[in-house]
């Protein structure tokens, strides 16, 4: 998956979470380190930077790495706060 494809996927997941949060009134919060690790990176707290390697992962893999449930039919990642 290209960097642009990964960016689009992350933005779509973020938008889905935002809409779900508006509907239920709850927020989903994730640490920078966890977000970085979910994308196959290593987080450096002193520089506040995530170092990643180029690798292809499915939307389901990314979702599950962030402790979400991926609905393949709807192509949506769901989080339970």
PDB file of N, CA and C in Angstrom:
ATOM      1  N   UNK A   1       0.854  -1.164   0.000  1.00  0.00           N
ATOM      2  CA  UNK A   1       0.000   0.000   0.000  1.00  0.00           C
ATOM      3  C   UNK A   1       0.902   1.230   0.000  1.00  0.00           C
ATOM      4  N   UNK A   2       0.635   2.167  -0.855  1.00  0.00           N
ATOM      5  CA  UNK A   2       1.452   3.369  -0.936  1.00  0.00           C
ATOM      6  C   UNK A   2       1.197   4.281   0.251  1.00  0.00           C
ATOM      7  N   UNK A   3       2.094   5.250   0.444  1.00  0.00           N
ATOM      8  CA  UNK A   3       1.905   6.208   1.537  1.00  0.00           C
ATOM      9  C   UNK A   3       0.599   6.958   1.360  1.00  0.00           C
ATOM     10  N   UNK A   4       0.250   7.294   0.127  1.00  0.00           N
ATOM     11  CA  UNK A   4      -1.010   8.003  -0.126  1.00  0.00           C
ATOM     12  C   UNK A   4      -2.200   7.110   0.226  1.00  0.00           C
ATOM     13  N   UNK A   5      -2.124   5.849  -0.147  1.00  0.00           N
ATOM     14  CA  UNK A   5      -3.197   4.906   0.172  1.00  0.00           C
ATOM     15  C   UNK A   5      -3.352   4.728   1.670  1.00  0.00           C
ATOM     16  N   UNK A   6      -2.220   4.639   2.376  1.00  0.00           N
ATOM     17  CA  UNK A   6      -2.247   4.512   3.825  1.00  0.00           C
ATOM     18  C   UNK A   6      -2.851   5.761   4.460  1.00  0.00           C
ATOM     19  N   UNK A   7      -2.477   6.933   3.930  1.00  0.00           N
ATOM     20  CA  UNK A   7      -3.015   8.194   4.446  1.00  0.00           C
ATOM     21  C   UNK A   7      -4.530   8.251   4.258  1.00  0.00           C
ATOM     22  N   UNK A   8      -5.003   7.858   3.074  1.00  0.00           N
ATOM     23  CA  UNK A   8      -6.441   7.866   2.797  1.00  0.00           C
ATOM     24  C   UNK A   8      -7.159   6.907   3.745  1.00  0.00           C
ATOM     25  N   UNK A   9      -6.581   5.746   3.984  1.00  0.00           N
ATOM     26  CA  UNK A   9      -7.185   4.771   4.889  1.00  0.00           C
ATOM     27  C   UNK A   9      -7.269   5.325   6.308  1.00  0.00           C
ATOM     28  N   UNK A  10      -6.192   5.920   6.774  1.00  0.00           N
ATOM     29  CA  UNK A  10      -6.182   6.484   8.125  1.00  0.00           C
ATOM     30  C   UNK A  10      -7.211   7.599   8.242  1.00  0.00           C
ATOM     31  N   UNK A  11      -7.306   8.447   7.231  1.00  0.00           N
ATOM     32  CA  UNK A  11      -8.278   9.542   7.266  1.00  0.00           C
ATOM     33  C   UNK A  11      -9.703   8.995   7.259  1.00  0.00           C
ATOM     34  N   UNK A  12      -9.951   7.938   6.483  1.00  0.00           N
ATOM     35  CA  UNK A  12     -11.286   7.337   6.448  1.00  0.00           C
ATOM     36  C   UNK A  12     -11.639   6.738   7.805  1.00  0.00           C
ATOM     37  N   UNK A  13     -10.671   6.065   8.420  1.00  0.00           N
ATOM     38  CA  UNK A  13     -10.915   5.505   9.748  1.00  0.00           C
ATOM     39  C   UNK A  13     -11.162   6.606  10.772  1.00  0.00           C
ATOM     40  N   UNK A  14     -10.403   7.685  10.671  1.00  0.00           N
ATOM     41  CA  UNK A  14     -10.577   8.811  11.584  1.00  0.00           C
ATOM     42  C   UNK A  14     -11.955   9.428  11.420  1.00  0.00           C
ATOM     43  N   UNK A  15     -12.386   9.616  10.174  1.00  0.00           N
ATOM     44  CA  UNK A  15     -13.709  10.189   9.918  1.00  0.00           C
ATOM     45  C   UNK A  15     -14.806   9.268  10.452  1.00  0.00           C
ATOM     46  N   UNK A  16     -14.631   7.965  10.265  1.00  0.00           N
ATOM     47  CA  UNK A  16     -15.613   7.008  10.767  1.00  0.00           C
ATOM     48  C   UNK A  16     -15.705   7.077  12.285  1.00  0.00           C
ATOM     49  N   UNK A  17     -14.546   7.156  12.916  1.00  0.00           N
ATOM     50  CA  UNK A  17     -14.535   7.253  14.379  1.00  0.00           C
ATOM     51  C   UNK A  17     -15.172   8.550  14.855  1.00  0.00           C
ATOM     52  N   UNK A  18     -14.897   9.634  14.150  1.00  0.00           N
ATOM     53  CA  UNK A  18     -15.473  10.924  14.536  1.00  0.00           C
ATOM     54  C   UNK A  18     -16.990  10.890  14.425  1.00  0.00           C
ATOM     55  N   UNK A  19     -17.493  10.316  13.350  1.00  0.00           N
ATOM     56  CA  UNK A  19     -18.942  10.242  13.178  1.00  0.00           C
ATOM     57  C   UNK A  19     -19.563   9.320  14.231  1.00  0.00           C
ATOM     58  N   UNK A  20     -18.906   8.227  14.524  1.00  0.00           N
ATOM     59  CA  UNK A  20     -19.417   7.316  15.551  1.00  0.00           C
ATOM     60  C   UNK A  20     -19.393   7.995  16.912  1.00  0.00           C
ATOM     61  N   UNK A  21     -18.360   8.764  17.182  1.00  0.00           N
ATOM     62  CA  UNK A  21     -18.253   9.483  18.444  1.00  0.00           C
ATOM     63  C   UNK A  21     -19.340  10.527  18.592  1.00  0.00           C
ATOM     64  N   UNK A  22     -19.695  11.204  17.501  1.00  0.00           N
ATOM     65  CA  UNK A  22     -20.762  12.198  17.552  1.00  0.00           C
ATOM     66  C   UNK A  22     -22.101  11.536  17.838  1.00  0.00           C
ATOM     67  N   UNK A  23     -22.290  10.357  17.281  1.00  0.00           N
ATOM     68  CA  UNK A  23     -23.567   9.673  17.452  1.00  0.00           C
ATOM     69  C   UNK A  23     -23.734   9.152  18.876  1.00  0.00           C
ATOM     70  N   UNK A  24     -22.659   8.671  19.473  1.00  0.00           N
ATOM     71  CA  UNK A  24     -22.779   8.066  20.796  1.00  0.00           C
ATOM     72  C   UNK A  24     -22.346   8.993  21.922  1.00  0.00           C
ATOM     73  N   UNK A  25     -21.695  10.105  21.579  1.00  0.00           N
ATOM     74  CA  UNK A  25     -21.260  11.044  22.592  1.00  0.00           C
ATOM     75  C   UNK A  25     -19.995  10.620  23.316  1.00  0.00           C
ATOM     76  N   UNK A  26     -19.313   9.579  22.845  1.00  0.00           N
ATOM     77  CA  UNK A  26     -18.085   9.141  23.489  1.00  0.00           C
ATOM     78  C   UNK A  26     -16.896   9.405  22.587  1.00  0.00           C
ATOM     79  N   UNK A  27     -15.731   9.436  23.192  1.00  0.00           N
ATOM     80  CA  UNK A  27     -14.499   9.678  22.445  1.00  0.00           C
ATOM     81  C   UNK A  27     -13.634   8.435  22.484  1.00  0.00           C
ATOM     82  N   UNK A  28     -12.855   8.271  21.447  1.00  0.00           N
ATOM     83  CA  UNK A  28     -11.850   7.221  21.417  1.00  0.00           C
ATOM     84  C   UNK A  28     -10.510   7.929  21.395  1.00  0.00           C
ATOM     85  N   UNK A  29      -9.654   7.604  22.356  1.00  0.00           N
ATOM     86  CA  UNK A  29      -8.345   8.229  22.437  1.00  0.00           C
ATOM     87  C   UNK A  29      -7.283   7.146  22.306  1.00  0.00           C
ATOM     88  N   UNK A  30      -6.200   7.473  21.614  1.00  0.00           N
ATOM     89  CA  UNK A  30      -5.129   6.517  21.412  1.00  0.00           C
ATOM     90  C   UNK A  30      -3.799   7.245  21.561  1.00  0.00           C
ATOM     91  N   UNK A  31      -2.874   6.624  22.256  1.00  0.00           N
ATOM     92  CA  UNK A  31      -1.565   7.248  22.457  1.00  0.00           C
ATOM     93  C   UNK A  31      -0.788   7.284  21.145  1.00  0.00           C
ATOM     94  N   UNK A  32       0.142   8.202  21.070  1.00  0.00           N
ATOM     95  CA  UNK A  32       0.992   8.311  19.883  1.00  0.00           C
ATOM     96  C   UNK A  32       1.780   7.029  19.675  1.00  0.00           C
ATOM     97  N   UNK A  33       2.275   6.459  20.762  1.00  0.00           N
ATOM     98  CA  UNK A  33       3.053   5.223  20.653  1.00  0.00           C
ATOM     99  C   UNK A  33       2.206   4.091  20.086  1.00  0.00           C
ATOM    100  N   UNK A  34       0.962   3.974  20.552  1.00  0.00           N
ATOM    101  CA  UNK A  34       0.086   2.906  20.064  1.00  0.00           C
ATOM    102  C   UNK A  34      -0.261   3.115  18.585  1.00  0.00           C
ATOM    103  N   UNK A  35      -0.535   4.350  18.195  1.00  0.00           N
ATOM    104  CA  UNK A  35      -0.822   4.623  16.778  1.00  0.00           C
ATOM    105  C   UNK A  35       0.375   4.247  15.919  1.00  0.00           C
ATOM    106  N   UNK A  36       1.551   4.633  16.373  1.00  0.00           N
ATOM    107  CA  UNK A  36       2.768   4.337  15.624  1.00  0.00           C
ATOM    108  C   UNK A  36       2.967   2.831  15.493  1.00  0.00           C
ATOM    109  N   UNK A  37       2.847   2.118  16.611  1.00  0.00           N
ATOM    110  CA  UNK A  37       3.021   0.668  16.600  1.00  0.00           C
ATOM    111  C   UNK A  37       1.991  -0.012  15.716  1.00  0.00           C
ATOM    112  N   UNK A  38       0.778   0.511  15.687  1.00  0.00           N
ATOM    113  CA  UNK A  38      -0.277  -0.067  14.856  1.00  0.00           C
ATOM    114  C   UNK A  38       0.053   0.031  13.373  1.00  0.00           C
ATOM    115  N   UNK A  39       0.903   0.973  13.040  1.00  0.00           N
ATOM    116  CA  UNK A  39       1.303   1.134  11.641  1.00  0.00           C
ATOM    117  C   UNK A  39       2.682   0.552  11.383  1.00  0.00           C
ATOM    118  N   UNK A  40       3.135  -0.298  12.306  1.00  0.00           N
ATOM    119  CA  UNK A  40       4.392  -0.999  12.102  1.00  0.00           C
ATOM    120  C   UNK A  40       5.617  -0.171  12.410  1.00  0.00           C
ATOM    121  N   UNK A  41       5.449   0.893  13.155  1.00  0.00           N
ATOM    122  CA  UNK A  41       6.567   1.771  13.448  1.00  0.00           C
ATOM    123  C   UNK A  41       7.083   1.636  14.861  1.00  0.00           C
ATOM    124  N   UNK A  42       8.146   2.354  15.114  1.00  0.00           N
ATOM    125  CA  UNK A  42       8.734   2.438  16.449  1.00  0.00           C
ATOM    126  C   UNK A  42       8.635   3.888  16.889  1.00  0.00           C
ATOM    127  N   UNK A  43       8.039   4.119  18.050  1.00  0.00           N
ATOM    128  CA  UNK A  43       7.830   5.485  18.544  1.00  0.00           C
ATOM    129  C   UNK A  43       8.969   5.893  19.460  1.00  0.00           C
ATOM    130  N   UNK A  44       9.513   7.091  19.227  1.00  0.00           N
ATOM    131  CA  UNK A  44      10.565   7.654  20.049  1.00  0.00           C
ATOM    132  C   UNK A  44       9.949   8.809  20.829  1.00  0.00           C
ATOM    133  N   UNK A  45       9.752   8.620  22.131  1.00  0.00           N
ATOM    134  CA  UNK A  45       9.091   9.623  22.956  1.00  0.00           C
ATOM    135  C   UNK A  45       9.908  10.902  23.083  1.00  0.00           C
ATOM    136  N   UNK A  46      11.234  10.802  23.056  1.00  0.00           N
ATOM    137  CA  UNK A  46      12.046  12.008  23.211  1.00  0.00           C
ATOM    138  C   UNK A  46      11.956  12.919  21.995  1.00  0.00           C
ATOM    139  N   UNK A  47      11.821  12.344  20.811  1.00  0.00           N
ATOM    140  CA  UNK A  47      11.689  13.168  19.601  1.00  0.00           C
ATOM    141  C   UNK A  47      10.237  13.306  19.152  1.00  0.00           C
ATOM    142  N   UNK A  48       9.343  12.542  19.823  1.00  0.00           N
ATOM    143  CA  UNK A  48       7.922  12.519  19.457  1.00  0.00           C
ATOM    144  C   UNK A  48       7.744  12.210  17.972  1.00  0.00           C
ATOM    145  N   UNK A  49       8.478  11.192  17.517  1.00  0.00           N
ATOM    146  CA  UNK A  49       8.453  10.814  16.106  1.00  0.00           C
ATOM    147  C   UNK A  49       8.263   9.308  15.960  1.00  0.00           C
ATOM    148  N   UNK A  50       7.638   8.939  14.858  1.00  0.00           N
ATOM    149  CA  UNK A  50       7.378   7.546  14.534  1.00  0.00           C
ATOM    150  C   UNK A  50       8.204   7.160  13.314  1.00  0.00           C
ATOM    151  N   UNK A  51       8.999   6.130  13.450  1.00  0.00           N
ATOM    152  CA  UNK A  51       9.799   5.638  12.334  1.00  0.00           C
ATOM    153  C   UNK A  51       9.145   4.372  11.813  1.00  0.00           C
ATOM    154  N   UNK A  52       8.795   4.379  10.533  1.00  0.00           N
ATOM    155  CA  UNK A  52       8.134   3.218   9.938  1.00  0.00           C
ATOM    156  C   UNK A  52       8.947   2.682   8.772  1.00  0.00           C
ATOM    157  N   UNK A  53       8.622   1.471   8.394  1.00  0.00           N
ATOM    158  CA  UNK A  53       9.200   0.874   7.201  1.00  0.00           C
ATOM    159  C   UNK A  53       8.066   0.670   6.207  1.00  0.00           C
ATOM    160  N   UNK A  54       8.398   0.659   4.954  1.00  0.00           N
ATOM    161  CA  UNK A  54       7.373   0.454   3.930  1.00  0.00           C
ATOM    162  C   UNK A  54       6.934  -1.002   3.944  1.00  0.00           C
ATOM    163  N   UNK A  55       5.671  -1.218   4.254  1.00  0.00           N
ATOM    164  CA  UNK A  55       5.111  -2.559   4.227  1.00  0.00           C
ATOM    165  C   UNK A  55       3.620  -2.457   3.904  1.00  0.00           C
ATOM    166  N   UNK A  56       3.109  -3.493   3.305  1.00  0.00           N
ATOM    167  CA  UNK A  56       1.705  -3.508   2.932  1.00  0.00           C
ATOM    168  C   UNK A  56       0.908  -4.282   3.969  1.00  0.00           C
ATOM    169  N   UNK A  57      -0.159  -3.656   4.465  1.00  0.00           N
ATOM    170  CA  UNK A  57      -1.062  -4.319   5.402  1.00  0.00           C
ATOM    171  C   UNK A  57      -2.484  -4.061   4.939  1.00  0.00           C
ATOM    172  N   UNK A  58      -3.353  -4.985   5.239  1.00  0.00           N
ATOM    173  CA  UNK A  58      -4.758  -4.814   4.887  1.00  0.00           C
ATOM    174  C   UNK A  58      -5.423  -3.883   5.898  1.00  0.00           C
ATOM    175  N   UNK A  59      -6.564  -3.356   5.529  1.00  0.00           N
ATOM    176  CA  UNK A  59      -7.331  -2.508   6.444  1.00  0.00           C
ATOM    177  C   UNK A  59      -7.699  -3.303   7.691  1.00  0.00           C
ATOM    178  N   UNK A  60      -8.017  -4.569   7.523  1.00  0.00           N
ATOM    179  CA  UNK A  60      -8.361  -5.422   8.658  1.00  0.00           C
ATOM    180  C   UNK A  60      -7.177  -5.550   9.615  1.00  0.00           C
ATOM    181  N   UNK A  61      -5.985  -5.752   9.085  1.00  0.00           N
ATOM    182  CA  UNK A  61      -4.801  -5.875   9.926  1.00  0.00           C
ATOM    183  C   UNK A  61      -4.549  -4.585  10.717  1.00  0.00           C
ATOM    184  N   UNK A  62      -4.671  -3.452  10.054  1.00  0.00           N
ATOM    185  CA  UNK A  62      -4.456  -2.164  10.721  1.00  0.00           C
ATOM    186  C   UNK A  62      -5.496  -1.971  11.815  1.00  0.00           C
ATOM    187  N   UNK A  63      -6.741  -2.264  11.513  1.00  0.00           N
ATOM    188  CA  UNK A  63      -7.819  -2.111  12.479  1.00  0.00           C
ATOM    189  C   UNK A  63      -7.580  -2.988  13.697  1.00  0.00           C
ATOM    190  N   UNK A  64      -7.288  -4.258  13.475  1.00  0.00           N
ATOM    191  CA  UNK A  64      -7.098  -5.192  14.573  1.00  0.00           C
ATOM    192  C   UNK A  64      -5.853  -4.859  15.391  1.00  0.00           C
ATOM    193  N   UNK A  65      -4.834  -4.288  14.758  1.00  0.00           N
ATOM    194  CA  UNK A  65      -3.640  -3.882  15.487  1.00  0.00           C
ATOM    195  C   UNK A  65      -3.934  -2.713  16.421  1.00  0.00           C
ATOM    196  N   UNK A  66      -5.030  -2.018  16.161  1.00  0.00           N
ATOM    197  CA  UNK A  66      -5.436  -0.909  17.016  1.00  0.00           C
ATOM    198  C   UNK A  66      -6.583  -1.337  17.939  1.00  0.00           C
ATOM    199  N   UNK A  67      -6.717  -2.629  18.146  1.00  0.00           N
ATOM    200  CA  UNK A  67      -7.733  -3.261  19.001  1.00  0.00           C
ATOM    201  C   UNK A  67      -9.160  -2.985  18.541  1.00  0.00           C
ATOM    202  N   UNK A  68      -9.337  -2.849  17.260  1.00  0.00           N
ATOM    203  CA  UNK A  68     -10.668  -2.650  16.705  1.00  0.00           C
ATOM    204  C   UNK A  68     -11.221  -3.931  16.105  1.00  0.00           C
ATOM    205  N   UNK A  69     -12.493  -3.885  15.731  1.00  0.00           N
ATOM    206  CA  UNK A  69     -13.149  -4.988  15.030  1.00  0.00           C
ATOM    207  C   UNK A  69     -13.419  -4.510  13.609  1.00  0.00           C
ATOM    208  N   UNK A  70     -12.952  -5.258  12.612  1.00  0.00           N
ATOM    209  CA  UNK A  70     -13.116  -4.862  11.216  1.00  0.00           C
ATOM    210  C   UNK A  70     -14.291  -5.592  10.587  1.00  0.00           C
ATOM    211  N   UNK A  71     -15.259  -4.830  10.099  1.00  0.00           N
ATOM    212  CA  UNK A  71     -16.409  -5.373   9.383  1.00  0.00           C
ATOM    213  C   UNK A  71     -16.060  -5.344   7.897  1.00  0.00           C
ATOM    214  N   UNK A  72     -15.757  -6.523   7.346  1.00  0.00           N
ATOM    215  CA  UNK A  72     -15.307  -6.587   5.952  1.00  0.00           C
ATOM    216  C   UNK A  72     -16.387  -6.162   4.974  1.00  0.00           C
ATOM    217  N   UNK A  73     -17.635  -6.503   5.250  1.00  0.00           N
ATOM    218  CA  UNK A  73     -18.723  -6.150   4.326  1.00  0.00           C
ATOM    219  C   UNK A  73     -18.895  -4.637   4.235  1.00  0.00           C
ATOM    220  N   UNK A  74     -18.830  -3.962   5.378  1.00  0.00           N
ATOM    221  CA  UNK A  74     -19.026  -2.501   5.406  1.00  0.00           C
ATOM    222  C   UNK A  74     -17.716  -1.755   5.220  1.00  0.00           C
ATOM    223  N   UNK A  75     -16.579  -2.469   5.311  1.00  0.00           N
ATOM    224  CA  UNK A  75     -15.253  -1.870   5.236  1.00  0.00           C
ATOM    225  C   UNK A  75     -15.086  -0.761   6.281  1.00  0.00           C
ATOM    226  N   UNK A  76     -15.419  -1.106   7.537  1.00  0.00           N
ATOM    227  CA  UNK A  76     -15.358  -0.153   8.643  1.00  0.00           C
ATOM    228  C   UNK A  76     -14.661  -0.804   9.828  1.00  0.00           C
ATOM    229  N   UNK A  77     -13.841  -0.014  10.512  1.00  0.00           N
ATOM    230  CA  UNK A  77     -13.188  -0.445  11.737  1.00  0.00           C
ATOM    231  C   UNK A  77     -13.970   0.127  12.912  1.00  0.00           C
ATOM    232  N   UNK A  78     -14.356  -0.734  13.842  1.00  0.00           N
ATOM    233  CA  UNK A  78     -15.170  -0.297  14.975  1.00  0.00           C
ATOM    234  C   UNK A  78     -14.386  -0.465  16.272  1.00  0.00           C
ATOM    235  N   UNK A  79     -14.451   0.559  17.109  1.00  0.00           N
ATOM    236  CA  UNK A  79     -13.781   0.546  18.406  1.00  0.00           C
ATOM    237  C   UNK A  79     -14.816   0.637  19.494  1.00  0.00           C
ATOM    238  N   UNK A  80     -14.617  -0.097  20.563  1.00  0.00           N
ATOM    239  CA  UNK A  80     -15.481   0.003  21.729  1.00  0.00           C
ATOM    240  C   UNK A  80     -14.716   0.723  22.827  1.00  0.00           C
ATOM    241  N   UNK A  81     -15.167   1.925  23.178  1.00  0.00           N
ATOM    242  CA  UNK A  81     -14.451   2.692  24.212  1.00  0.00           C
ATOM    243  C   UNK A  81     -14.622   2.085  25.588  1.00  0.00           C
TER     244      UNK A  81
END
